[in-house]
């Protein structure tokens, strides 16, 4: 791990708890935060992003779904959420067609599912969240990134969830 980075691991016992962790992160997220989500299919990336969206103030009028075919969904909240799913991309160059650079350098919050596919294109300050499947309900959620920002985001997470 690089100097000045932090790694926090949180166990989730259910999809409700994964959602609640996402909500707690979203409540502390702000403009310019980029969340790079990795993990196998069904590990909790979209569930977490649903909580993240609600924590950002995205209305219940919006159903949070993985943008598998549209590649990006946008949701209004106290900060606009840009939700990417890059699973179907064949090469990093396809990000240009999506306007990726504008999103990650903009004022919104960005959540990228399957971020490991575009690891070389992730900005330096991205917060990497890895979902490890343990069993049908249990996951280990590992959050790493710039030490100060990770600590701010996860500071009270165990008491909030």
Protein backbone atom coordinates (compact mmCIF):
# COMPACT_ATOMS: atom_id res chain seq x y z
CA UNK A 1 0.00 0.00 0.00
CA UNK A 2 1.23 3.49 -0.86
CA UNK A 3 2.33 5.92 1.82
CA UNK A 4 -0.48 8.21 3.04
CA UNK A 5 -3.17 5.69 2.12
CA UNK A 6 -5.61 4.01 4.45
CA UNK A 7 -7.30 0.62 4.34
CA UNK A 8 -10.44 -0.09 6.33
CA UNK A 9 -12.26 -3.43 6.26
CA UNK A 10 -15.90 -3.72 7.27
CA UNK A 11 -17.92 -6.93 7.46
CA UNK A 12 -21.44 -6.83 6.11
CA UNK A 13 -23.83 -9.55 7.23
CA UNK A 14 -26.64 -8.73 4.76
CA UNK A 15 -27.65 -6.70 1.73
CA UNK A 16 -29.43 -4.32 4.13
CA UNK A 17 -26.17 -3.72 5.95
CA UNK A 18 -24.26 -3.25 2.65
CA UNK A 19 -26.89 -0.66 1.66
CA UNK A 20 -26.54 1.03 5.08
CA UNK A 21 -22.75 1.18 4.68
CA UNK A 22 -23.27 2.80 1.27
CA UNK A 23 -25.71 5.27 2.84
CA UNK A 24 -23.21 6.20 5.56
CA UNK A 25 -20.47 6.73 2.95
CA UNK A 26 -22.86 8.78 0.79
CA UNK A 27 -23.79 10.99 3.73
CA UNK A 28 -20.12 12.02 4.01
CA UNK A 29 -19.29 12.03 0.29
CA UNK A 30 -18.83 15.30 -1.50
CA UNK A 31 -18.08 16.89 -4.83
CA UNK A 32 -15.12 15.28 -6.54
CA UNK A 33 -15.24 11.97 -4.66
CA UNK A 34 -14.69 8.99 -6.93
CA UNK A 35 -15.58 5.52 -5.71
CA UNK A 36 -14.00 2.66 -7.67
CA UNK A 37 -16.08 -0.44 -6.90
CA UNK A 38 -14.70 -3.93 -7.54
CA UNK A 39 -15.90 -7.43 -6.80
CA UNK A 40 -17.44 -10.42 -8.46
CA UNK A 41 -20.98 -10.51 -9.82
CA UNK A 42 -23.49 -10.31 -6.97
CA UNK A 43 -20.93 -9.11 -4.42
CA UNK A 44 -22.89 -5.94 -3.51
CA UNK A 45 -21.61 -3.14 -5.75
CA UNK A 46 -25.05 -2.01 -6.93
CA UNK A 47 -26.60 -2.48 -3.48
CA UNK A 48 -23.87 -0.28 -1.98
CA UNK A 49 -24.40 2.31 -4.73
CA UNK A 50 -28.12 2.40 -3.91
CA UNK A 51 -27.24 3.33 -0.34
CA UNK A 52 -24.59 5.79 -1.55
CA UNK A 53 -27.23 7.52 -3.69
CA UNK A 54 -29.68 7.85 -0.80
CA UNK A 55 -26.89 9.16 1.43
CA UNK A 56 -26.24 11.81 -1.21
CA UNK A 57 -29.90 12.82 -1.03
CA UNK A 58 -31.09 11.15 -4.23
CA UNK A 59 -34.89 10.95 -3.99
CA UNK A 60 -36.73 7.65 -3.53
CA UNK A 61 -38.44 8.58 -6.83
CA UNK A 62 -35.29 7.24 -8.53
CA UNK A 63 -34.68 3.51 -8.68
CA UNK A 64 -30.95 2.87 -8.46
CA UNK A 65 -30.00 0.17 -10.94
CA UNK A 66 -26.72 -0.87 -12.47
CA UNK A 67 -26.27 0.89 -15.82
CA UNK A 68 -25.07 -2.33 -17.47
CA UNK A 69 -26.40 -1.42 -20.91
CA UNK A 70 -26.55 2.38 -20.70
CA UNK A 71 -23.05 2.43 -19.10
CA UNK A 72 -23.87 5.52 -17.03
CA UNK A 73 -26.83 6.75 -14.99
CA UNK A 74 -27.09 10.23 -13.48
CA UNK A 75 -29.03 11.05 -10.33
CA UNK A 76 -29.68 14.47 -8.77
CA UNK A 77 -29.01 14.89 -5.05
CA UNK A 78 -27.12 17.33 -2.85
CA UNK A 79 -24.27 16.30 -5.16
CA UNK A 80 -25.05 14.83 -8.57
CA UNK A 81 -24.20 11.11 -8.70
CA UNK A 82 -22.69 9.65 -11.86
CA UNK A 83 -23.01 5.86 -11.72
CA UNK A 84 -20.87 3.96 -14.23
CA UNK A 85 -20.86 0.24 -15.05
CA UNK A 86 -17.81 -0.51 -17.19
CA UNK A 87 -18.28 -4.30 -17.32
CA UNK A 88 -19.14 -4.26 -21.02
CA UNK A 89 -16.23 -2.06 -22.11
CA UNK A 90 -13.67 -3.89 -24.23
CA UNK A 91 -10.89 -1.34 -23.89
CA UNK A 92 -10.07 1.74 -21.84
CA UNK A 93 -10.24 3.93 -24.96
CA UNK A 94 -14.03 3.50 -24.97
CA UNK A 95 -14.17 5.75 -21.89
CA UNK A 96 -13.54 8.74 -24.17
CA UNK A 97 -16.89 8.11 -25.89
CA UNK A 98 -18.61 8.37 -22.49
CA UNK A 99 -16.98 11.69 -21.58
CA UNK A 100 -15.27 9.93 -18.68
CA UNK A 101 -12.62 12.61 -18.11
CA UNK A 102 -15.29 15.31 -17.72
CA UNK A 103 -17.16 13.23 -15.15
CA UNK A 104 -14.14 12.35 -13.00
CA UNK A 105 -12.81 15.90 -13.06
CA UNK A 106 -16.21 17.47 -12.45
CA UNK A 107 -18.15 18.51 -9.39
CA UNK A 108 -20.30 15.42 -8.87
CA UNK A 109 -19.71 12.14 -7.08
CA UNK A 110 -18.70 9.22 -9.30
CA UNK A 111 -19.30 5.53 -8.56
CA UNK A 112 -17.73 3.07 -11.00
CA UNK A 113 -18.76 -0.59 -10.93
CA UNK A 114 -16.18 -3.09 -12.26
CA UNK A 115 -13.49 -0.43 -11.76
CA UNK A 116 -10.75 -3.06 -11.93
CA UNK A 117 -11.35 -3.14 -15.71
CA UNK A 118 -10.21 0.48 -15.99
CA UNK A 119 -7.65 0.60 -13.17
CA UNK A 120 -5.15 2.48 -15.34
CA UNK A 121 -7.72 5.24 -15.99
CA UNK A 122 -8.69 5.84 -12.35
CA UNK A 123 -7.66 9.21 -10.93
CA UNK A 124 -4.97 9.21 -8.24
CA UNK A 125 -7.39 10.21 -5.46
CA UNK A 126 -10.01 7.55 -6.18
CA UNK A 127 -11.36 5.65 -3.19
CA UNK A 128 -11.22 1.95 -4.02
CA UNK A 129 -13.94 -0.22 -2.51
CA UNK A 130 -13.58 -3.97 -2.95
CA UNK A 131 -16.41 -6.37 -2.18
CA UNK A 132 -15.33 -9.90 -1.23
CA UNK A 133 -18.05 -12.54 -1.32
CA UNK A 134 -17.87 -14.75 1.78
CA UNK A 135 -21.22 -16.55 1.62
CA UNK A 136 -24.82 -15.93 0.51
CA UNK A 137 -25.19 -12.95 2.84
CA UNK A 138 -21.76 -12.05 4.20
CA UNK A 139 -19.28 -9.73 2.47
CA UNK A 140 -16.05 -8.05 3.45
CA UNK A 141 -15.96 -4.47 2.18
CA UNK A 142 -12.43 -3.07 1.91
CA UNK A 143 -12.11 0.69 1.51
CA UNK A 144 -8.75 2.17 0.54
CA UNK A 145 -7.49 5.47 -0.76
CA UNK A 146 -6.07 8.78 0.43
CA UNK A 147 -5.65 8.40 4.19
CA UNK A 148 -7.30 11.65 5.26
CA UNK A 149 -10.35 11.24 3.00
CA UNK A 150 -10.91 7.55 3.82
CA UNK A 151 -10.75 8.33 7.53
CA UNK A 152 -13.27 11.18 7.13
CA UNK A 153 -15.67 8.96 5.22
CA UNK A 154 -15.52 5.89 7.47
CA UNK A 155 -14.98 7.70 10.79
CA UNK A 156 -18.30 6.80 12.43
CA UNK A 157 -19.46 4.13 10.03
CA UNK A 158 -19.61 1.27 12.53
CA UNK A 159 -21.86 3.22 14.86
CA UNK A 160 -24.07 4.45 12.01
CA UNK A 161 -24.69 1.06 10.38
